[in-house]
Amino acid sequence: MSAMSNSDRRWAWRGVKAVAVVAAISVAVYWVRFLPIQVRQQQVARGELRAEVMGTGTLEARVKASMSPKISGRVRAIAVDQGDAVSSGQVLVTLDDDELQQQVEIAQANLETAQAAIDRLKSDEVRAAATLTAAKSEHQRNEKLRAGNTISQSDIDKSVEALAVAEAGVARAKFAVVEGRKQLVAAEKTMQYHQARLA
């Protein structure tokens, strides 16, 4: 009984091997988990502190501005790109203004036509005033002749009628000048409006 059998020896060796493997695994786990981590030490000292952050992201403005033109039209040129710095009064976009240029030219022509009409109406007013002066003189002369009984009643009636027609002509000419001035003011306002839209 003192001697171990072969099968008992094999089992003993297997047990020793198993204990050796468990011991090796235990040493490895201890080595990985329980040994202190190596750290780099730094001496504390006074120095300059720099705050610098690196990263990716999107910047959003605190204040957003929208722009809208006074007129609509096709864009001729864009002077800035998204993200560019701009200043107050800087031209950002240029619109195609050919149609507005034509409207300004038409308004200018209408203004010149209204001014020419005023000039013509003023000369008509002067002519009507001269006709009235002549009709008054003729009527006064005919009244003197009537006192002397040297003129017929039909001639007197004709001079009274001519005087009334001349007075109506002056009133009509003055009214036409007033209306012409209104048209001139309207043409000036239209011109200013189109020029302001073009600016």
N, C-alpha and C. Protein backbone atom coordinates (compact mmCIF):
# COMPACT_ATOMS: atom_id res chain seq x y z
N MET A 1 0.80 -1.17 0.00
CA MET A 1 0.00 0.00 0.00
C MET A 1 0.84 1.23 0.00
N SER A 2 2.05 1.09 0.20
CA SER A 2 2.94 2.24 0.21
C SER A 2 3.18 2.76 -1.19
N ALA A 3 3.09 2.01 -2.08
CA ALA A 3 3.35 2.46 -3.45
C ALA A 3 2.05 2.92 -4.09
N MET A 4 2.20 4.00 -4.90
CA MET A 4 1.03 4.55 -5.59
C MET A 4 0.94 3.88 -6.94
N SER A 5 -0.21 3.73 -7.32
CA SER A 5 -0.38 3.12 -8.62
C SER A 5 -0.19 4.17 -9.71
N ASN A 6 -0.02 3.67 -10.90
CA ASN A 6 0.23 4.56 -12.05
C ASN A 6 -0.95 5.52 -12.26
N SER A 7 -2.11 5.05 -12.13
CA SER A 7 -3.26 5.93 -12.37
C SER A 7 -3.36 6.98 -11.27
N ASP A 8 -2.94 6.63 -10.06
CA ASP A 8 -2.97 7.62 -8.99
C ASP A 8 -1.91 8.68 -9.23
N ARG A 9 -0.78 8.23 -9.77
CA ARG A 9 0.29 9.20 -10.06
C ARG A 9 -0.16 10.18 -11.15
N ARG A 10 -0.82 9.64 -12.14
CA ARG A 10 -1.28 10.52 -13.22
C ARG A 10 -2.24 11.57 -12.66
N TRP A 11 -3.12 11.12 -11.80
CA TRP A 11 -4.08 12.06 -11.23
C TRP A 11 -3.36 13.07 -10.35
N ALA A 12 -2.33 12.68 -9.68
CA ALA A 12 -1.57 13.58 -8.83
C ALA A 12 -0.88 14.64 -9.70
N TRP A 13 -0.26 14.20 -10.81
CA TRP A 13 0.41 15.15 -11.72
C TRP A 13 -0.61 16.10 -12.33
N ARG A 14 -1.73 15.59 -12.66
CA ARG A 14 -2.77 16.47 -13.22
C ARG A 14 -3.20 17.50 -12.18
N GLY A 15 -3.31 17.11 -10.95
CA GLY A 15 -3.66 18.04 -9.89
C GLY A 15 -2.60 19.10 -9.70
N VAL A 16 -1.31 18.67 -9.76
CA VAL A 16 -0.21 19.63 -9.60
C VAL A 16 -0.23 20.62 -10.77
N LYS A 17 -0.45 20.09 -11.99
CA LYS A 17 -0.49 20.97 -13.17
C LYS A 17 -1.66 21.96 -13.05
N ALA A 18 -2.81 21.49 -12.57
CA ALA A 18 -3.97 22.37 -12.44
C ALA A 18 -3.70 23.47 -11.42
N VAL A 19 -3.04 23.10 -10.31
CA VAL A 19 -2.71 24.09 -9.28
C VAL A 19 -1.72 25.09 -9.85
N ALA A 20 -0.74 24.62 -10.65
CA ALA A 20 0.26 25.51 -11.26
C ALA A 20 -0.41 26.48 -12.22
N VAL A 21 -1.39 25.99 -13.02
CA VAL A 21 -2.09 26.87 -13.98
C VAL A 21 -2.91 27.91 -13.22
N VAL A 22 -3.61 27.50 -12.18
CA VAL A 22 -4.41 28.43 -11.38
C VAL A 22 -3.51 29.45 -10.74
N ALA A 23 -2.33 29.02 -10.24
CA ALA A 23 -1.39 29.94 -9.62
C ALA A 23 -0.87 30.94 -10.65
N ALA A 24 -0.59 30.48 -11.87
CA ALA A 24 -0.09 31.37 -12.92
C ALA A 24 -1.16 32.41 -13.30
N ILE A 25 -2.40 31.96 -13.40
CA ILE A 25 -3.49 32.88 -13.74
C ILE A 25 -3.69 33.88 -12.61
N SER A 26 -3.60 33.43 -11.37
CA SER A 26 -3.76 34.33 -10.23
C SER A 26 -2.68 35.39 -10.22
N VAL A 27 -1.43 34.98 -10.51
CA VAL A 27 -0.32 35.94 -10.55
C VAL A 27 -0.57 36.95 -11.67
N ALA A 28 -1.05 36.49 -12.83
CA ALA A 28 -1.30 37.39 -13.96
C ALA A 28 -2.40 38.40 -13.63
N VAL A 29 -3.48 37.92 -13.01
CA VAL A 29 -4.59 38.82 -12.64
C VAL A 29 -4.10 39.83 -11.62
N TYR A 30 -3.34 39.38 -10.63
CA TYR A 30 -2.80 40.29 -9.64
C TYR A 30 -1.92 41.34 -10.31
N TRP A 31 -1.09 40.89 -11.22
CA TRP A 31 -0.15 41.76 -11.91
C TRP A 31 -0.91 42.86 -12.67
N VAL A 32 -1.99 42.49 -13.35
CA VAL A 32 -2.75 43.44 -14.17
C VAL A 32 -3.63 44.34 -13.32
N ARG A 33 -4.29 43.79 -12.32
CA ARG A 33 -5.29 44.57 -11.60
C ARG A 33 -4.77 45.29 -10.38
N PHE A 34 -3.86 44.72 -9.69
CA PHE A 34 -3.52 45.27 -8.38
C PHE A 34 -2.19 45.99 -8.32
N LEU A 35 -1.40 45.91 -9.35
CA LEU A 35 -0.15 46.68 -9.32
C LEU A 35 -0.47 48.15 -9.60
N PRO A 36 0.21 49.09 -9.00
CA PRO A 36 -0.08 50.51 -9.23
C PRO A 36 0.22 50.92 -10.68
N ILE A 37 -0.59 51.89 -11.17
CA ILE A 37 -0.41 52.41 -12.53
C ILE A 37 0.72 53.43 -12.50
N GLN A 38 1.54 53.39 -13.51
CA GLN A 38 2.65 54.34 -13.60
C GLN A 38 2.10 55.70 -14.03
N VAL A 39 2.43 56.75 -13.33
CA VAL A 39 2.02 58.11 -13.68
C VAL A 39 3.24 59.00 -13.77
N ARG A 40 3.09 60.07 -14.56
CA ARG A 40 4.17 61.02 -14.69
C ARG A 40 3.93 62.13 -13.68
N GLN A 41 4.92 62.48 -12.95
CA GLN A 41 4.78 63.52 -11.94
C GLN A 41 5.26 64.84 -12.50
N GLN A 42 4.60 65.90 -12.04
CA GLN A 42 4.97 67.25 -12.48
C GLN A 42 5.08 68.11 -11.24
N GLN A 43 6.12 68.89 -11.16
CA GLN A 43 6.34 69.78 -10.04
C GLN A 43 5.40 70.98 -10.19
N VAL A 44 4.70 71.37 -9.14
CA VAL A 44 3.80 72.51 -9.16
C VAL A 44 4.62 73.78 -9.09
N ALA A 45 4.32 74.72 -10.03
CA ALA A 45 5.03 76.00 -10.05
C ALA A 45 4.11 77.05 -10.66
N ARG A 46 4.39 78.32 -10.35
CA ARG A 46 3.62 79.42 -10.94
C ARG A 46 4.02 79.56 -12.40
N GLY A 47 3.02 79.91 -13.24
CA GLY A 47 3.31 80.09 -14.66
C GLY A 47 2.11 80.71 -15.37
N GLU A 48 2.25 80.87 -16.63
CA GLU A 48 1.20 81.46 -17.46
C GLU A 48 0.17 80.39 -17.79
N LEU A 49 -1.10 80.77 -17.62
CA LEU A 49 -2.19 79.84 -17.90
C LEU A 49 -2.79 80.19 -19.26
N ARG A 50 -2.79 79.25 -20.15
CA ARG A 50 -3.37 79.47 -21.47
C ARG A 50 -4.61 78.61 -21.61
N ALA A 51 -5.72 79.26 -21.89
CA ALA A 51 -6.96 78.51 -22.11
C ALA A 51 -7.16 78.39 -23.61
N GLU A 52 -7.12 77.22 -24.09
CA GLU A 52 -7.27 76.98 -25.52
C GLU A 52 -8.15 75.76 -25.69
N VAL A 53 -9.18 75.93 -26.50
CA VAL A 53 -10.10 74.82 -26.73
C VAL A 53 -10.08 74.49 -28.20
N MET A 54 -9.93 73.26 -28.51
CA MET A 54 -9.95 72.79 -29.89
C MET A 54 -11.17 71.91 -30.06
N GLY A 55 -11.81 72.01 -31.18
CA GLY A 55 -12.96 71.15 -31.41
C GLY A 55 -13.67 71.54 -32.69
N THR A 56 -14.64 70.79 -33.04
CA THR A 56 -15.45 71.09 -34.22
C THR A 56 -16.83 71.50 -33.75
N GLY A 57 -17.50 72.29 -34.56
CA GLY A 57 -18.83 72.72 -34.19
C GLY A 57 -19.33 73.78 -35.14
N THR A 58 -20.43 74.39 -34.79
CA THR A 58 -21.05 75.43 -35.60
C THR A 58 -21.20 76.67 -34.75
N LEU A 59 -20.78 77.81 -35.28
CA LEU A 59 -20.94 79.08 -34.59
C LEU A 59 -22.25 79.71 -35.03
N GLU A 60 -22.98 80.24 -34.09
CA GLU A 60 -24.21 80.94 -34.41
C GLU A 60 -24.10 82.36 -33.88
N ALA A 61 -24.54 83.31 -34.68
CA ALA A 61 -24.47 84.71 -34.30
C ALA A 61 -25.48 85.00 -33.20
N ARG A 62 -25.12 85.91 -32.32
CA ARG A 62 -26.05 86.33 -31.28
C ARG A 62 -27.17 87.17 -31.89
N VAL A 63 -26.82 87.96 -32.89
CA VAL A 63 -27.78 88.82 -33.55
C VAL A 63 -27.84 88.41 -35.01
N LYS A 64 -29.03 88.15 -35.48
CA LYS A 64 -29.21 87.82 -36.89
C LYS A 64 -29.88 89.00 -37.57
N ALA A 65 -29.51 89.22 -38.80
CA ALA A 65 -30.10 90.32 -39.56
C ALA A 65 -30.67 89.77 -40.86
N SER A 66 -31.82 90.27 -41.20
CA SER A 66 -32.44 89.91 -42.47
C SER A 66 -32.39 91.13 -43.37
N MET A 67 -32.27 90.88 -44.65
CA MET A 67 -32.28 92.01 -45.58
C MET A 67 -33.35 91.76 -46.62
N SER A 68 -33.99 92.84 -47.01
CA SER A 68 -34.97 92.73 -48.08
C SER A 68 -34.89 94.01 -48.90
N PRO A 69 -34.84 93.87 -50.20
CA PRO A 69 -34.73 95.06 -51.04
C PRO A 69 -36.06 95.81 -51.12
N LYS A 70 -35.99 97.08 -51.46
CA LYS A 70 -37.19 97.88 -51.62
C LYS A 70 -37.93 97.48 -52.90
N ILE A 71 -37.20 96.93 -53.83
CA ILE A 71 -37.79 96.54 -55.11
C ILE A 71 -37.51 95.07 -55.37
N SER A 72 -38.27 94.51 -56.27
CA SER A 72 -38.00 93.13 -56.66
C SER A 72 -37.33 93.15 -58.03
N GLY A 73 -36.61 92.11 -58.32
CA GLY A 73 -35.94 92.03 -59.61
C GLY A 73 -34.91 90.92 -59.61
N ARG A 74 -34.24 90.81 -60.75
CA ARG A 74 -33.21 89.78 -60.88
C ARG A 74 -31.91 90.27 -60.25
N VAL A 75 -31.18 89.34 -59.65
CA VAL A 75 -29.89 89.67 -59.03
C VAL A 75 -28.83 89.73 -60.13
N ARG A 76 -28.14 90.86 -60.20
CA ARG A 76 -27.07 91.02 -61.17
C ARG A 76 -25.73 90.55 -60.60
N ALA A 77 -25.45 90.89 -59.33
CA ALA A 77 -24.17 90.51 -58.72
C ALA A 77 -24.34 90.37 -57.21
N ILE A 78 -23.58 89.43 -56.64
CA ILE A 78 -23.53 89.23 -55.18
C ILE A 78 -22.12 89.59 -54.74
N ALA A 79 -22.01 90.59 -53.86
CA ALA A 79 -20.70 91.12 -53.49
C ALA A 79 -20.05 90.39 -52.31
N VAL A 80 -20.82 89.66 -51.53
CA VAL A 80 -20.27 88.97 -50.35
C VAL A 80 -20.72 87.51 -50.36
N ASP A 81 -20.02 86.71 -49.55
CA ASP A 81 -20.36 85.30 -49.43
C ASP A 81 -20.81 85.02 -48.00
N GLN A 82 -21.44 83.90 -47.79
CA GLN A 82 -21.89 83.53 -46.45
C GLN A 82 -20.69 83.45 -45.52
N GLY A 83 -20.82 84.09 -44.37
CA GLY A 83 -19.75 84.08 -43.39
C GLY A 83 -18.82 85.28 -43.49
N ASP A 84 -18.91 86.08 -44.57
CA ASP A 84 -18.07 87.27 -44.70
C ASP A 84 -18.51 88.33 -43.71
N ALA A 85 -17.56 89.10 -43.22
CA ALA A 85 -17.88 90.23 -42.35
C ALA A 85 -18.36 91.38 -43.23
N VAL A 86 -19.43 92.04 -42.83
CA VAL A 86 -19.97 93.17 -43.57
C VAL A 86 -20.12 94.35 -42.64
N SER A 87 -20.17 95.53 -43.22
CA SER A 87 -20.35 96.74 -42.42
C SER A 87 -21.60 97.46 -42.88
N SER A 88 -22.06 98.37 -42.06
CA SER A 88 -23.26 99.12 -42.36
C SER A 88 -23.06 99.94 -43.63
N GLY A 89 -24.03 99.87 -44.51
CA GLY A 89 -23.97 100.63 -45.75
C GLY A 89 -23.25 99.93 -46.89
N GLN A 90 -22.66 98.79 -46.62
CA GLN A 90 -21.93 98.06 -47.66
C GLN A 90 -22.92 97.42 -48.63
N VAL A 91 -22.62 97.51 -49.92
CA VAL A 91 -23.46 96.89 -50.94
C VAL A 91 -23.25 95.38 -50.89
N LEU A 92 -24.33 94.65 -50.68
CA LEU A 92 -24.26 93.19 -50.61
C LEU A 92 -24.68 92.55 -51.92
N VAL A 93 -25.72 93.09 -52.52
CA VAL A 93 -26.28 92.52 -53.75
C VAL A 93 -26.64 93.66 -54.68
N THR A 94 -26.39 93.47 -55.96
CA THR A 94 -26.79 94.45 -56.97
C THR A 94 -27.90 93.83 -57.82
N LEU A 95 -29.02 94.54 -57.91
CA LEU A 95 -30.14 94.04 -58.71
C LEU A 95 -30.06 94.62 -60.12
N ASP A 96 -30.66 93.92 -61.06
CA ASP A 96 -30.73 94.38 -62.44
C ASP A 96 -31.71 95.54 -62.48
N ASP A 97 -31.25 96.73 -62.86
CA ASP A 97 -32.09 97.92 -62.80
C ASP A 97 -32.43 98.50 -64.17
N ASP A 98 -32.35 97.71 -65.22
CA ASP A 98 -32.65 98.21 -66.56
C ASP A 98 -34.08 98.73 -66.66
N GLU A 99 -35.03 97.99 -66.09
CA GLU A 99 -36.43 98.41 -66.16
C GLU A 99 -36.65 99.71 -65.38
N LEU A 100 -36.00 99.83 -64.22
CA LEU A 100 -36.12 101.07 -63.44
C LEU A 100 -35.50 102.24 -64.18
N GLN A 101 -34.38 102.00 -64.86
CA GLN A 101 -33.76 103.07 -65.66
C GLN A 101 -34.74 103.57 -66.71
N GLN A 102 -35.45 102.65 -67.35
CA GLN A 102 -36.44 103.05 -68.36
C GLN A 102 -37.56 103.84 -67.72
N GLN A 103 -38.01 103.43 -66.54
CA GLN A 103 -39.07 104.17 -65.85
C GLN A 103 -38.61 105.58 -65.49
N VAL A 104 -37.35 105.72 -65.08
CA VAL A 104 -36.81 107.05 -64.77
C VAL A 104 -36.75 107.90 -66.04
N GLU A 105 -36.33 107.31 -67.14
CA GLU A 105 -36.27 108.05 -68.40
C GLU A 105 -37.66 108.48 -68.85
N ILE A 106 -38.65 107.60 -68.70
CA ILE A 106 -40.03 107.96 -69.06
C ILE A 106 -40.53 109.07 -68.15
N ALA A 107 -40.25 108.98 -66.85
CA ALA A 107 -40.67 110.02 -65.91
C ALA A 107 -39.99 111.35 -66.24
N GLN A 108 -38.71 111.30 -66.65
CA GLN A 108 -38.00 112.52 -67.05
C GLN A 108 -38.66 113.14 -68.28
N ALA A 109 -39.02 112.30 -69.25
CA ALA A 109 -39.68 112.81 -70.46
C ALA A 109 -41.04 113.41 -70.11
N ASN A 110 -41.80 112.77 -69.21
CA ASN A 110 -43.09 113.31 -68.79
C ASN A 110 -42.91 114.64 -68.06
N LEU A 111 -41.87 114.75 -67.27
CA LEU A 111 -41.58 116.00 -66.56
C LEU A 111 -41.27 117.12 -67.55
N GLU A 112 -40.45 116.82 -68.54
CA GLU A 112 -40.12 117.82 -69.56
C GLU A 112 -41.35 118.22 -70.36
N THR A 113 -42.23 117.25 -70.67
CA THR A 113 -43.47 117.55 -71.39
C THR A 113 -44.37 118.44 -70.55
N ALA A 114 -44.47 118.16 -69.26
CA ALA A 114 -45.30 118.98 -68.37
C ALA A 114 -44.74 120.39 -68.26
N GLN A 115 -43.41 120.52 -68.22
CA GLN A 115 -42.80 121.85 -68.16
C GLN A 115 -43.06 122.63 -69.45
N ALA A 116 -42.96 121.95 -70.59
CA ALA A 116 -43.26 122.60 -71.87
C ALA A 116 -44.72 123.02 -71.94
N ALA A 117 -45.62 122.19 -71.41
CA ALA A 117 -47.05 122.53 -71.40
C ALA A 117 -47.29 123.76 -70.53
N ILE A 118 -46.60 123.86 -69.40
CA ILE A 118 -46.73 125.05 -68.53
C ILE A 118 -46.28 126.29 -69.28
N ASP A 119 -45.15 126.19 -69.97
CA ASP A 119 -44.65 127.35 -70.72
C ASP A 119 -45.66 127.78 -71.79
N ARG A 120 -46.25 126.80 -72.49
CA ARG A 120 -47.24 127.12 -73.53
C ARG A 120 -48.49 127.74 -72.90
N LEU A 121 -48.94 127.18 -71.77
CA LEU A 121 -50.13 127.71 -71.10
C LEU A 121 -49.90 129.12 -70.56
N LYS A 122 -48.69 129.41 -70.11
CA LYS A 122 -48.38 130.78 -69.65
C LYS A 122 -48.43 131.76 -70.81
N SER A 123 -47.91 131.34 -71.96
CA SER A 123 -47.98 132.24 -73.13
C SER A 123 -49.43 132.42 -73.57
N ASP A 124 -50.27 131.37 -73.46
CA ASP A 124 -51.70 131.51 -73.77
C ASP A 124 -52.36 132.48 -72.79
N GLU A 125 -51.93 132.43 -71.53
CA GLU A 125 -52.48 133.35 -70.53
C GLU A 125 -52.10 134.79 -70.85
N VAL A 126 -50.87 135.01 -71.28
CA VAL A 126 -50.43 136.37 -71.65
C VAL A 126 -51.23 136.85 -72.86
N ARG A 127 -51.41 135.95 -73.84
CA ARG A 127 -52.18 136.33 -75.04
C ARG A 127 -53.63 136.66 -74.67
N ALA A 128 -54.24 135.87 -73.76
CA ALA A 128 -55.61 136.13 -73.34
C ALA A 128 -55.70 137.45 -72.59
N ALA A 129 -54.68 137.76 -71.78
CA ALA A 129 -54.67 139.05 -71.06
C ALA A 129 -54.57 140.21 -72.05
N ALA A 130 -53.75 140.03 -73.09
CA ALA A 130 -53.62 141.09 -74.11
C ALA A 130 -54.94 141.26 -74.86
N THR A 131 -55.61 140.16 -75.16
CA THR A 131 -56.91 140.23 -75.84
C THR A 131 -57.92 140.94 -74.95
N LEU A 132 -57.90 140.67 -73.65
CA LEU A 132 -58.81 141.32 -72.71
C LEU A 132 -58.53 142.82 -72.65
N THR A 133 -57.25 143.18 -72.61
CA THR A 133 -56.90 144.61 -72.59
C THR A 133 -57.42 145.31 -73.84
N ALA A 134 -57.24 144.67 -74.98
CA ALA A 134 -57.73 145.26 -76.24
C ALA A 134 -59.25 145.35 -76.24
N ALA A 135 -59.94 144.33 -75.72
CA ALA A 135 -61.40 144.35 -75.68
C ALA A 135 -61.90 145.43 -74.74
N LYS A 136 -61.21 145.65 -73.60
CA LYS A 136 -61.60 146.72 -72.67
C LYS A 136 -61.44 148.09 -73.33
N SER A 137 -60.33 148.28 -74.00
CA SER A 137 -60.09 149.57 -74.68
C SER A 137 -61.15 149.82 -75.74
N GLU A 138 -61.46 148.79 -76.52
CA GLU A 138 -62.48 148.93 -77.57
C GLU A 138 -63.84 149.24 -76.96
N HIS A 139 -64.16 148.57 -75.86
CA HIS A 139 -65.45 148.80 -75.21
C HIS A 139 -65.52 150.22 -74.64
N GLN A 140 -64.44 150.70 -74.01
CA GLN A 140 -64.42 152.07 -73.46
C GLN A 140 -64.56 153.10 -74.58
N ARG A 141 -63.90 152.87 -75.70
CA ARG A 141 -64.00 153.79 -76.84
C ARG A 141 -65.43 153.81 -77.37
N ASN A 142 -66.02 152.60 -77.45
CA ASN A 142 -67.40 152.53 -77.95
C ASN A 142 -68.38 153.19 -76.99
N GLU A 143 -68.13 153.12 -75.68
CA GLU A 143 -68.99 153.80 -74.70
C GLU A 143 -68.92 155.32 -74.88
N LYS A 144 -67.73 155.84 -75.17
CA LYS A 144 -67.58 157.29 -75.41
C LYS A 144 -68.32 157.70 -76.67
N LEU A 145 -68.21 156.82 -77.69
CA LEU A 145 -68.91 157.13 -78.94
C LEU A 145 -70.42 157.04 -78.75
N ARG A 146 -70.87 156.19 -77.89
CA ARG A 146 -72.30 156.04 -77.61
C ARG A 146 -72.84 157.30 -76.94
N ALA A 147 -72.00 157.90 -76.07
CA ALA A 147 -72.42 159.14 -75.41
C ALA A 147 -72.65 160.24 -76.44
N GLY A 148 -71.87 160.20 -77.52
CA GLY A 148 -72.02 161.20 -78.57
C GLY A 148 -73.00 160.76 -79.64
N ASN A 149 -73.61 159.62 -79.46
CA ASN A 149 -74.60 159.07 -80.38
C ASN A 149 -74.03 158.85 -81.78
N THR A 150 -72.77 158.46 -81.86
CA THR A 150 -72.13 158.26 -83.15
C THR A 150 -71.84 156.78 -83.44
N ILE A 151 -72.38 155.88 -82.63
CA ILE A 151 -72.15 154.44 -82.84
C ILE A 151 -73.48 153.73 -82.72
N SER A 152 -73.60 152.65 -83.47
CA SER A 152 -74.86 151.90 -83.45
C SER A 152 -74.88 150.96 -82.23
N GLN A 153 -76.09 150.56 -81.87
CA GLN A 153 -76.27 149.65 -80.73
C GLN A 153 -75.65 148.29 -81.02
N SER A 154 -75.67 147.84 -82.25
CA SER A 154 -75.09 146.54 -82.59
C SER A 154 -73.58 146.55 -82.39
N ASP A 155 -72.93 147.69 -82.68
CA ASP A 155 -71.48 147.78 -82.43
C ASP A 155 -71.18 147.75 -80.93
N ILE A 156 -72.04 148.39 -80.14
CA ILE A 156 -71.89 148.36 -78.68
C ILE A 156 -72.05 146.92 -78.19
N ASP A 157 -73.07 146.23 -78.70
CA ASP A 157 -73.31 144.84 -78.29
C ASP A 157 -72.12 143.95 -78.66
N LYS A 158 -71.54 144.19 -79.81
CA LYS A 158 -70.38 143.41 -80.24
C LYS A 158 -69.19 143.64 -79.31
N SER A 159 -68.99 144.89 -78.88
CA SER A 159 -67.86 145.17 -77.99
C SER A 159 -68.09 144.56 -76.60
N VAL A 160 -69.34 144.55 -76.13
CA VAL A 160 -69.65 143.93 -74.84
C VAL A 160 -69.42 142.42 -74.93
N GLU A 161 -69.85 141.82 -76.04
CA GLU A 161 -69.64 140.38 -76.24
C GLU A 161 -68.15 140.05 -76.33
N ALA A 162 -67.39 140.87 -77.05
CA ALA A 162 -65.94 140.64 -77.18
C ALA A 162 -65.26 140.75 -75.81
N LEU A 163 -65.72 141.70 -74.99
CA LEU A 163 -65.16 141.87 -73.65
C LEU A 163 -65.45 140.64 -72.79
N ALA A 164 -66.67 140.11 -72.84
CA ALA A 164 -67.04 138.92 -72.06
C ALA A 164 -66.24 137.69 -72.52
N VAL A 165 -66.07 137.56 -73.85
CA VAL A 165 -65.29 136.44 -74.38
C VAL A 165 -63.84 136.54 -73.93
N ALA A 166 -63.27 137.75 -73.93
CA ALA A 166 -61.88 137.95 -73.51
C ALA A 166 -61.72 137.65 -72.02
N GLU A 167 -62.69 138.08 -71.19
CA GLU A 167 -62.62 137.78 -69.76
C GLU A 167 -62.70 136.26 -69.51
N ALA A 168 -63.56 135.57 -70.24
CA ALA A 168 -63.66 134.11 -70.12
C ALA A 168 -62.36 133.44 -70.59
N GLY A 169 -61.74 133.99 -71.63
CA GLY A 169 -60.48 133.45 -72.12
C GLY A 169 -59.37 133.57 -71.08
N VAL A 170 -59.33 134.71 -70.37
CA VAL A 170 -58.32 134.90 -69.32
C VAL A 170 -58.57 133.91 -68.18
N ALA A 171 -59.84 133.75 -67.78
CA ALA A 171 -60.16 132.81 -66.69
C ALA A 171 -59.79 131.38 -67.09
N ARG A 172 -60.11 131.02 -68.34
CA ARG A 172 -59.78 129.68 -68.82
C ARG A 172 -58.26 129.48 -68.86
N ALA A 173 -57.51 130.49 -69.29
CA ALA A 173 -56.05 130.39 -69.36
C ALA A 173 -55.45 130.25 -67.96
N LYS A 174 -55.98 131.01 -66.99
CA LYS A 174 -55.47 130.90 -65.61
C LYS A 174 -55.75 129.51 -65.04
N PHE A 175 -56.96 129.00 -65.29
CA PHE A 175 -57.30 127.65 -64.82
C PHE A 175 -56.38 126.61 -65.46
N ALA A 176 -56.10 126.76 -66.75
CA ALA A 176 -55.23 125.81 -67.45
C ALA A 176 -53.82 125.84 -66.87
N VAL A 177 -53.33 127.04 -66.50
CA VAL A 177 -52.00 127.14 -65.90
C VAL A 177 -51.98 126.43 -64.54
N VAL A 178 -53.04 126.61 -63.74
CA VAL A 178 -53.12 125.93 -62.43
C VAL A 178 -53.12 124.42 -62.63
N GLU A 179 -53.91 123.92 -63.57
CA GLU A 179 -53.95 122.48 -63.84
C GLU A 179 -52.60 121.99 -64.36
N GLY A 180 -51.97 122.79 -65.20
CA GLY A 180 -50.65 122.42 -65.72
C GLY A 180 -49.62 122.33 -64.61
N ARG A 181 -49.71 123.24 -63.63
CA ARG A 181 -48.78 123.18 -62.49
C ARG A 181 -49.01 121.92 -61.65
N LYS A 182 -50.27 121.53 -61.50
CA LYS A 182 -50.57 120.28 -60.78
C LYS A 182 -49.95 119.09 -61.51
N GLN A 183 -50.08 119.09 -62.84
CA GLN A 183 -49.49 117.99 -63.61
C GLN A 183 -47.96 118.01 -63.52
N LEU A 184 -47.38 119.21 -63.47
CA LEU A 184 -45.93 119.33 -63.33
C LEU A 184 -45.49 118.78 -61.97
N VAL A 185 -46.22 119.11 -60.91
CA VAL A 185 -45.89 118.60 -59.57
C VAL A 185 -46.02 117.08 -59.55
N ALA A 186 -47.08 116.55 -60.17
CA ALA A 186 -47.25 115.09 -60.22
C ALA A 186 -46.10 114.44 -60.98
N ALA A 187 -45.67 115.06 -62.08
CA ALA A 187 -44.55 114.51 -62.86
C ALA A 187 -43.26 114.55 -62.04
N GLU A 188 -43.06 115.65 -61.27
CA GLU A 188 -41.87 115.74 -60.42
C GLU A 188 -41.89 114.65 -59.34
N LYS A 189 -43.05 114.43 -58.72
CA LYS A 189 -43.17 113.39 -57.68
C LYS A 189 -42.90 112.01 -58.27
N THR A 190 -43.45 111.75 -59.46
CA THR A 190 -43.21 110.46 -60.12
C THR A 190 -41.73 110.28 -60.40
N MET A 191 -41.10 111.34 -60.87
CA MET A 191 -39.66 111.29 -61.17
C MET A 191 -38.87 110.99 -59.89
N GLN A 192 -39.19 111.70 -58.80
CA GLN A 192 -38.49 111.47 -57.53
C GLN A 192 -38.71 110.05 -57.02
N TYR A 193 -39.92 109.55 -57.18
CA TYR A 193 -40.22 108.18 -56.73
C TYR A 193 -39.36 107.17 -57.49
N HIS A 194 -39.31 107.29 -58.81
CA HIS A 194 -38.53 106.33 -59.60
C HIS A 194 -37.03 106.48 -59.33
N GLN A 195 -36.57 107.71 -59.12
CA GLN A 195 -35.15 107.89 -58.80
C GLN A 195 -34.82 107.29 -57.43
N ALA A 196 -35.74 107.42 -56.47
CA ALA A 196 -35.50 106.84 -55.14
C ALA A 196 -35.48 105.32 -55.22
N ARG A 197 -36.33 104.74 -56.03
CA ARG A 197 -36.32 103.27 -56.19
C ARG A 197 -35.04 102.81 -56.85
N LEU A 198 -34.50 103.64 -57.73
CA LEU A 198 -33.29 103.27 -58.46
C LEU A 198 -32.06 103.38 -57.57
N ALA A 199 -32.11 104.29 -56.58
CA ALA A 199 -30.93 104.53 -55.72
C ALA A 199 -30.60 103.36 -54.85
